[in-house]
């Protein structure tokens, strides 16, 4: 199943990721790479579902995940658009960092201990890619 407008392909092959995850990953990749520029209007949930042969709930689930990640934004009846690059991710990262700082402070860690813990976690996560 392929979307002609977004050039998205959903694989039904055994072992493939769930369709909503394939859709989410492809839109996120295109938005981050600039192939879908900030402000690009995405198809409606129903329209994209019909185009890809998916259930509307599958597309809606992907859109919700993308919105939670700050990749897209819904502007009410005006539609769904690609968010400005990095804005959502930067805001979310700052909020996560603040929550981490508050938590380690409550736990009684010193700043060097907190930085060491965060650095270890980040290195482990990025090494896994």
N, C-alpha and C. Protein backbone atom coordinates (compact mmCIF):
# COMPACT_ATOMS: atom_id res chain seq x y z
N UNK A 1 0.84 -1.17 0.00
CA UNK A 1 0.00 0.00 0.00
C UNK A 1 0.88 1.24 0.00
N UNK A 2 0.66 2.14 -0.91
CA UNK A 2 1.49 3.33 -1.03
C UNK A 2 0.64 4.58 -1.13
N UNK A 3 1.09 5.63 -0.45
CA UNK A 3 0.45 6.94 -0.55
C UNK A 3 1.15 7.70 -1.66
N UNK A 4 0.41 8.18 -2.64
CA UNK A 4 1.02 8.89 -3.75
C UNK A 4 1.50 10.27 -3.34
N UNK A 5 0.77 10.94 -2.46
CA UNK A 5 1.11 12.29 -2.03
C UNK A 5 2.34 12.32 -1.13
N UNK A 6 2.38 11.42 -0.14
CA UNK A 6 3.47 11.42 0.84
C UNK A 6 4.57 10.42 0.51
N UNK A 7 4.33 9.57 -0.47
CA UNK A 7 5.27 8.51 -0.84
C UNK A 7 5.57 7.60 0.36
N UNK A 8 4.51 7.18 1.02
CA UNK A 8 4.62 6.29 2.17
C UNK A 8 4.17 4.91 1.73
N UNK A 9 4.92 3.91 2.12
CA UNK A 9 4.60 2.53 1.79
C UNK A 9 4.44 1.74 3.08
N UNK A 10 3.35 1.01 3.18
CA UNK A 10 3.08 0.17 4.34
C UNK A 10 3.23 -1.28 3.91
N UNK A 11 4.11 -1.99 4.58
CA UNK A 11 4.36 -3.39 4.26
C UNK A 11 3.48 -4.28 5.11
N UNK A 12 2.88 -5.25 4.46
CA UNK A 12 2.07 -6.23 5.18
C UNK A 12 2.81 -7.53 5.38
N UNK A 13 4.12 -7.53 5.07
CA UNK A 13 4.91 -8.75 5.17
C UNK A 13 5.03 -9.21 6.62
N UNK A 14 5.10 -10.51 6.79
CA UNK A 14 5.28 -11.08 8.11
C UNK A 14 6.58 -10.55 8.71
N UNK A 15 6.51 -10.15 9.95
CA UNK A 15 7.69 -9.63 10.63
C UNK A 15 7.84 -8.12 10.51
N UNK A 16 7.01 -7.50 9.69
CA UNK A 16 7.06 -6.04 9.56
C UNK A 16 6.51 -5.41 10.82
N UNK A 17 6.91 -4.18 11.08
CA UNK A 17 6.35 -3.43 12.20
C UNK A 17 4.86 -3.22 11.97
N UNK A 18 4.15 -2.92 13.04
CA UNK A 18 2.72 -2.64 12.93
C UNK A 18 2.51 -1.48 11.95
N UNK A 19 1.40 -1.50 11.21
CA UNK A 19 1.17 -0.44 10.22
C UNK A 19 1.23 0.98 10.80
N UNK A 20 0.67 1.20 12.00
CA UNK A 20 0.73 2.56 12.56
C UNK A 20 2.17 2.96 12.83
N UNK A 21 3.02 2.00 13.25
CA UNK A 21 4.43 2.31 13.53
C UNK A 21 5.18 2.59 12.24
N UNK A 22 4.89 1.85 11.18
CA UNK A 22 5.51 2.13 9.88
C UNK A 22 5.15 3.53 9.41
N UNK A 23 3.87 3.88 9.55
CA UNK A 23 3.41 5.20 9.13
C UNK A 23 4.06 6.29 9.98
N UNK A 24 4.06 6.11 11.31
CA UNK A 24 4.66 7.08 12.22
C UNK A 24 6.14 7.28 11.89
N UNK A 25 6.86 6.20 11.72
CA UNK A 25 8.30 6.28 11.46
C UNK A 25 8.60 6.98 10.13
N UNK A 26 7.82 6.68 9.10
CA UNK A 26 8.08 7.28 7.79
C UNK A 26 7.77 8.77 7.78
N UNK A 27 6.68 9.18 8.42
CA UNK A 27 6.37 10.61 8.47
C UNK A 27 7.42 11.33 9.31
N UNK A 28 7.80 10.75 10.45
CA UNK A 28 8.81 11.37 11.32
C UNK A 28 10.14 11.52 10.57
N UNK A 29 10.54 10.48 9.86
CA UNK A 29 11.80 10.52 9.10
C UNK A 29 11.75 11.61 8.03
N UNK A 30 10.66 11.69 7.31
CA UNK A 30 10.54 12.70 6.25
C UNK A 30 10.49 14.12 6.82
N UNK A 31 9.85 14.28 7.97
CA UNK A 31 9.79 15.61 8.59
C UNK A 31 11.18 16.03 9.09
N UNK A 32 11.89 15.11 9.72
CA UNK A 32 13.21 15.44 10.27
C UNK A 32 14.24 15.68 9.17
N UNK A 33 14.09 14.99 8.05
CA UNK A 33 15.06 15.16 6.96
C UNK A 33 14.74 16.38 6.09
N UNK A 34 13.54 16.95 6.28
CA UNK A 34 13.15 18.11 5.47
C UNK A 34 12.39 17.75 4.21
N UNK A 35 12.22 16.45 3.94
CA UNK A 35 11.43 16.05 2.76
C UNK A 35 9.96 16.44 2.93
N UNK A 36 9.52 16.55 4.17
CA UNK A 36 8.21 17.14 4.48
C UNK A 36 8.54 18.42 5.24
N UNK A 37 8.48 19.56 4.60
CA UNK A 37 8.89 20.81 5.25
C UNK A 37 7.91 21.25 6.34
N UNK A 38 8.41 22.05 7.26
CA UNK A 38 7.56 22.61 8.31
C UNK A 38 6.41 23.36 7.65
N UNK A 39 5.22 23.14 8.16
CA UNK A 39 4.04 23.79 7.61
C UNK A 39 3.33 22.97 6.55
N UNK A 40 3.92 21.86 6.11
CA UNK A 40 3.30 21.00 5.10
C UNK A 40 2.01 20.43 5.68
N UNK A 41 0.91 20.57 4.94
CA UNK A 41 -0.37 20.05 5.40
C UNK A 41 -0.49 18.57 5.07
N UNK A 42 -0.73 17.78 6.10
CA UNK A 42 -0.90 16.34 5.93
C UNK A 42 -2.33 16.03 5.53
N UNK A 43 -2.54 14.89 4.88
CA UNK A 43 -3.91 14.49 4.54
C UNK A 43 -4.73 14.26 5.81
N UNK A 44 -6.04 14.31 5.68
CA UNK A 44 -6.90 13.98 6.80
C UNK A 44 -6.69 12.52 7.18
N UNK A 45 -7.09 12.19 8.38
CA UNK A 45 -6.98 10.80 8.84
C UNK A 45 -7.72 9.88 7.89
N UNK A 46 -8.95 10.22 7.58
CA UNK A 46 -9.75 9.37 6.68
C UNK A 46 -9.16 9.30 5.29
N UNK A 47 -8.70 10.44 4.79
CA UNK A 47 -8.13 10.47 3.45
C UNK A 47 -6.89 9.60 3.33
N UNK A 48 -5.99 9.71 4.30
CA UNK A 48 -4.77 8.90 4.26
C UNK A 48 -5.09 7.42 4.49
N UNK A 49 -6.05 7.14 5.36
CA UNK A 49 -6.45 5.76 5.61
C UNK A 49 -6.97 5.12 4.32
N UNK A 50 -7.81 5.85 3.60
CA UNK A 50 -8.34 5.33 2.33
C UNK A 50 -7.23 5.13 1.32
N UNK A 51 -6.32 6.10 1.24
CA UNK A 51 -5.24 6.02 0.27
C UNK A 51 -4.32 4.83 0.53
N UNK A 52 -4.09 4.53 1.82
CA UNK A 52 -3.19 3.44 2.18
C UNK A 52 -3.90 2.11 2.41
N UNK A 53 -5.24 2.13 2.40
CA UNK A 53 -5.98 0.91 2.66
C UNK A 53 -5.90 0.48 4.11
N UNK A 54 -5.82 1.46 5.01
CA UNK A 54 -5.74 1.19 6.44
C UNK A 54 -7.02 1.64 7.13
N UNK A 55 -7.22 1.18 8.34
CA UNK A 55 -8.34 1.65 9.15
C UNK A 55 -8.03 3.08 9.60
N UNK A 56 -9.06 3.90 9.70
CA UNK A 56 -8.87 5.28 10.15
C UNK A 56 -8.24 5.32 11.54
N UNK A 57 -8.59 4.38 12.41
CA UNK A 57 -8.00 4.34 13.76
C UNK A 57 -6.49 4.12 13.72
N UNK A 58 -6.00 3.39 12.72
CA UNK A 58 -4.57 3.15 12.59
C UNK A 58 -3.84 4.44 12.27
N UNK A 59 -4.38 5.20 11.33
CA UNK A 59 -3.78 6.49 10.97
C UNK A 59 -3.90 7.47 12.13
N UNK A 60 -5.04 7.47 12.80
CA UNK A 60 -5.23 8.37 13.94
C UNK A 60 -4.22 8.06 15.04
N UNK A 61 -3.94 6.79 15.28
CA UNK A 61 -2.96 6.40 16.30
C UNK A 61 -1.57 6.91 15.93
N UNK A 62 -1.21 6.80 14.66
CA UNK A 62 0.09 7.31 14.20
C UNK A 62 0.16 8.82 14.35
N UNK A 63 -0.90 9.52 13.97
CA UNK A 63 -0.93 10.98 14.10
C UNK A 63 -0.82 11.40 15.57
N UNK A 64 -1.51 10.68 16.47
CA UNK A 64 -1.43 11.01 17.90
C UNK A 64 0.00 10.85 18.41
N UNK A 65 0.66 9.77 18.01
CA UNK A 65 2.05 9.54 18.43
C UNK A 65 2.97 10.63 17.88
N UNK A 66 2.76 11.00 16.62
CA UNK A 66 3.58 12.06 16.02
C UNK A 66 3.35 13.40 16.70
N UNK A 67 2.11 13.66 17.07
CA UNK A 67 1.80 14.92 17.75
C UNK A 67 2.43 14.92 19.14
N UNK A 68 2.38 13.79 19.83
CA UNK A 68 2.99 13.69 21.16
C UNK A 68 4.50 13.90 21.08
N UNK A 69 5.11 13.49 19.97
CA UNK A 69 6.55 13.65 19.78
C UNK A 69 6.91 15.04 19.25
N UNK A 70 5.90 15.86 18.95
CA UNK A 70 6.17 17.20 18.45
C UNK A 70 6.53 17.27 16.98
N UNK A 71 6.30 16.18 16.26
CA UNK A 71 6.62 16.15 14.83
C UNK A 71 5.55 16.85 14.01
N UNK A 72 4.29 16.67 14.42
CA UNK A 72 3.18 17.32 13.72
C UNK A 72 2.35 18.08 14.73
N UNK A 73 1.51 18.96 14.23
CA UNK A 73 0.58 19.70 15.09
C UNK A 73 -0.77 19.79 14.41
N UNK A 74 -1.80 19.66 15.22
CA UNK A 74 -3.16 19.76 14.71
C UNK A 74 -3.67 21.16 15.01
N UNK A 75 -4.20 21.80 14.00
CA UNK A 75 -4.72 23.17 14.14
C UNK A 75 -6.23 23.17 13.98
N UNK A 76 -6.89 22.42 14.83
CA UNK A 76 -8.34 22.35 14.80
C UNK A 76 -8.87 21.94 13.44
N UNK A 77 -9.86 22.68 12.96
CA UNK A 77 -10.48 22.36 11.68
C UNK A 77 -9.59 22.72 10.48
N UNK A 78 -8.49 23.41 10.74
CA UNK A 78 -7.59 23.78 9.64
C UNK A 78 -6.76 22.60 9.16
N UNK A 79 -6.62 21.57 9.99
CA UNK A 79 -5.90 20.38 9.56
C UNK A 79 -4.68 20.07 10.42
N UNK A 80 -3.90 19.14 9.92
CA UNK A 80 -2.70 18.66 10.60
C UNK A 80 -1.50 19.03 9.75
N UNK A 81 -0.49 19.59 10.38
CA UNK A 81 0.68 20.12 9.69
C UNK A 81 1.97 19.61 10.31
N UNK A 82 3.03 19.58 9.50
CA UNK A 82 4.36 19.25 10.02
C UNK A 82 4.79 20.43 10.88
N UNK A 83 5.21 20.14 12.10
CA UNK A 83 5.64 21.19 13.04
C UNK A 83 7.01 21.72 12.63
N UNK A 84 7.32 22.91 13.10
CA UNK A 84 8.63 23.49 12.84
C UNK A 84 9.69 22.55 13.41
N UNK A 85 10.71 22.30 12.65
CA UNK A 85 11.74 21.32 13.00
C UNK A 85 12.34 21.61 14.37
N UNK A 86 12.35 20.60 15.18
CA UNK A 86 13.02 20.67 16.46
C UNK A 86 12.25 21.33 17.58
N UNK A 87 11.26 22.15 17.27
CA UNK A 87 10.55 22.87 18.34
C UNK A 87 9.95 21.92 19.36
N UNK A 88 9.16 20.98 18.91
CA UNK A 88 8.50 20.05 19.82
C UNK A 88 9.50 19.17 20.55
N UNK A 89 10.48 18.67 19.82
CA UNK A 89 11.48 17.80 20.44
C UNK A 89 12.30 18.57 21.47
N UNK A 90 12.66 19.79 21.17
CA UNK A 90 13.44 20.59 22.12
C UNK A 90 12.65 20.89 23.37
N UNK A 91 11.38 21.23 23.21
CA UNK A 91 10.53 21.50 24.37
C UNK A 91 10.39 20.25 25.24
N UNK A 92 10.15 19.12 24.60
CA UNK A 92 9.97 17.88 25.34
C UNK A 92 11.26 17.47 26.04
N UNK A 93 12.39 17.63 25.37
CA UNK A 93 13.68 17.30 25.98
C UNK A 93 13.95 18.20 27.19
N UNK A 94 13.64 19.48 27.07
CA UNK A 94 13.84 20.40 28.19
C UNK A 94 12.95 20.01 29.37
N UNK A 95 11.71 19.63 29.10
CA UNK A 95 10.80 19.21 30.17
C UNK A 95 11.30 17.93 30.84
N UNK A 96 11.80 16.99 30.03
CA UNK A 96 12.32 15.74 30.59
C UNK A 96 13.57 16.01 31.43
N UNK A 97 14.42 16.92 30.96
CA UNK A 97 15.63 17.26 31.71
C UNK A 97 15.27 17.92 33.04
N UNK A 98 14.27 18.79 33.02
CA UNK A 98 13.83 19.45 34.25
C UNK A 98 13.28 18.43 35.23
N UNK A 99 12.47 17.51 34.74
CA UNK A 99 11.90 16.47 35.61
C UNK A 99 13.01 15.60 36.19
N UNK A 100 14.02 15.28 35.39
CA UNK A 100 15.15 14.49 35.86
C UNK A 100 15.91 15.26 36.94
N UNK A 101 16.17 16.53 36.71
CA UNK A 101 16.90 17.34 37.68
C UNK A 101 16.16 17.39 39.02
N UNK A 102 14.85 17.57 38.96
CA UNK A 102 14.06 17.60 40.19
C UNK A 102 14.10 16.26 40.91
N UNK A 103 14.01 15.18 40.15
CA UNK A 103 14.00 13.84 40.74
C UNK A 103 15.34 13.51 41.40
N UNK A 104 16.46 13.74 40.74
CA UNK A 104 17.76 13.40 41.33
C UNK A 104 18.06 14.30 42.52
N UNK A 105 17.57 15.54 42.49
CA UNK A 105 17.75 16.42 43.64
C UNK A 105 17.01 15.86 44.86
N UNK A 106 15.75 15.41 44.63
CA UNK A 106 14.98 14.80 45.73
C UNK A 106 15.66 13.54 46.25
N UNK A 107 16.33 12.81 45.37
CA UNK A 107 17.02 11.58 45.78
C UNK A 107 18.33 11.87 46.51
N UNK A 108 18.75 13.11 46.49
CA UNK A 108 19.95 13.49 47.22
C UNK A 108 21.25 13.34 46.44
N UNK A 109 21.18 13.17 45.14
CA UNK A 109 22.40 13.06 44.34
C UNK A 109 23.04 14.43 44.19
N UNK A 110 24.37 14.43 44.12
CA UNK A 110 25.08 15.66 43.84
C UNK A 110 24.99 15.93 42.35
N UNK A 111 25.35 17.14 41.94
CA UNK A 111 25.32 17.46 40.51
C UNK A 111 26.25 16.54 39.71
N UNK A 112 27.50 16.30 40.16
CA UNK A 112 28.36 15.36 39.40
C UNK A 112 27.77 13.95 39.32
N UNK A 113 27.13 13.48 40.39
CA UNK A 113 26.51 12.15 40.36
C UNK A 113 25.35 12.11 39.38
N UNK A 114 24.54 13.17 39.37
CA UNK A 114 23.41 13.23 38.45
C UNK A 114 23.89 13.28 37.01
N UNK A 115 24.92 14.10 36.74
CA UNK A 115 25.47 14.18 35.38
C UNK A 115 26.05 12.85 34.93
N UNK A 116 26.74 12.16 35.85
CA UNK A 116 27.33 10.85 35.51
C UNK A 116 26.23 9.84 35.17
N UNK A 117 25.16 9.85 35.95
CA UNK A 117 24.06 8.91 35.68
C UNK A 117 23.42 9.21 34.33
N UNK A 118 23.18 10.48 34.05
CA UNK A 118 22.57 10.86 32.77
C UNK A 118 23.51 10.53 31.60
N UNK A 119 24.78 10.81 31.76
CA UNK A 119 25.75 10.53 30.70
C UNK A 119 25.82 9.04 30.40
N UNK A 120 25.83 8.22 31.45
CA UNK A 120 25.86 6.76 31.27
C UNK A 120 24.62 6.28 30.52
N UNK A 121 23.45 6.80 30.92
CA UNK A 121 22.21 6.39 30.26
C UNK A 121 22.19 6.82 28.79
N UNK A 122 22.63 8.03 28.51
CA UNK A 122 22.65 8.53 27.13
C UNK A 122 23.62 7.71 26.28
N UNK A 123 24.80 7.44 26.80
CA UNK A 123 25.78 6.65 26.03
C UNK A 123 25.25 5.27 25.73
N UNK A 124 24.58 4.65 26.72
CA UNK A 124 24.02 3.32 26.51
C UNK A 124 22.91 3.36 25.46
N UNK A 125 22.08 4.38 25.51
CA UNK A 125 20.98 4.48 24.55
C UNK A 125 21.47 4.72 23.14
N UNK A 126 22.40 5.64 22.98
CA UNK A 126 22.88 5.97 21.64
C UNK A 126 23.79 4.89 21.07
N UNK A 127 24.43 4.12 21.92
CA UNK A 127 25.25 3.01 21.44
C UNK A 127 24.38 1.89 20.89
N UNK A 128 23.14 1.82 21.36
CA UNK A 128 22.21 0.76 20.92
C UNK A 128 21.71 1.00 19.50
N UNK A 129 21.86 2.22 18.97
CA UNK A 129 21.35 2.52 17.62
C UNK A 129 22.25 1.98 16.60
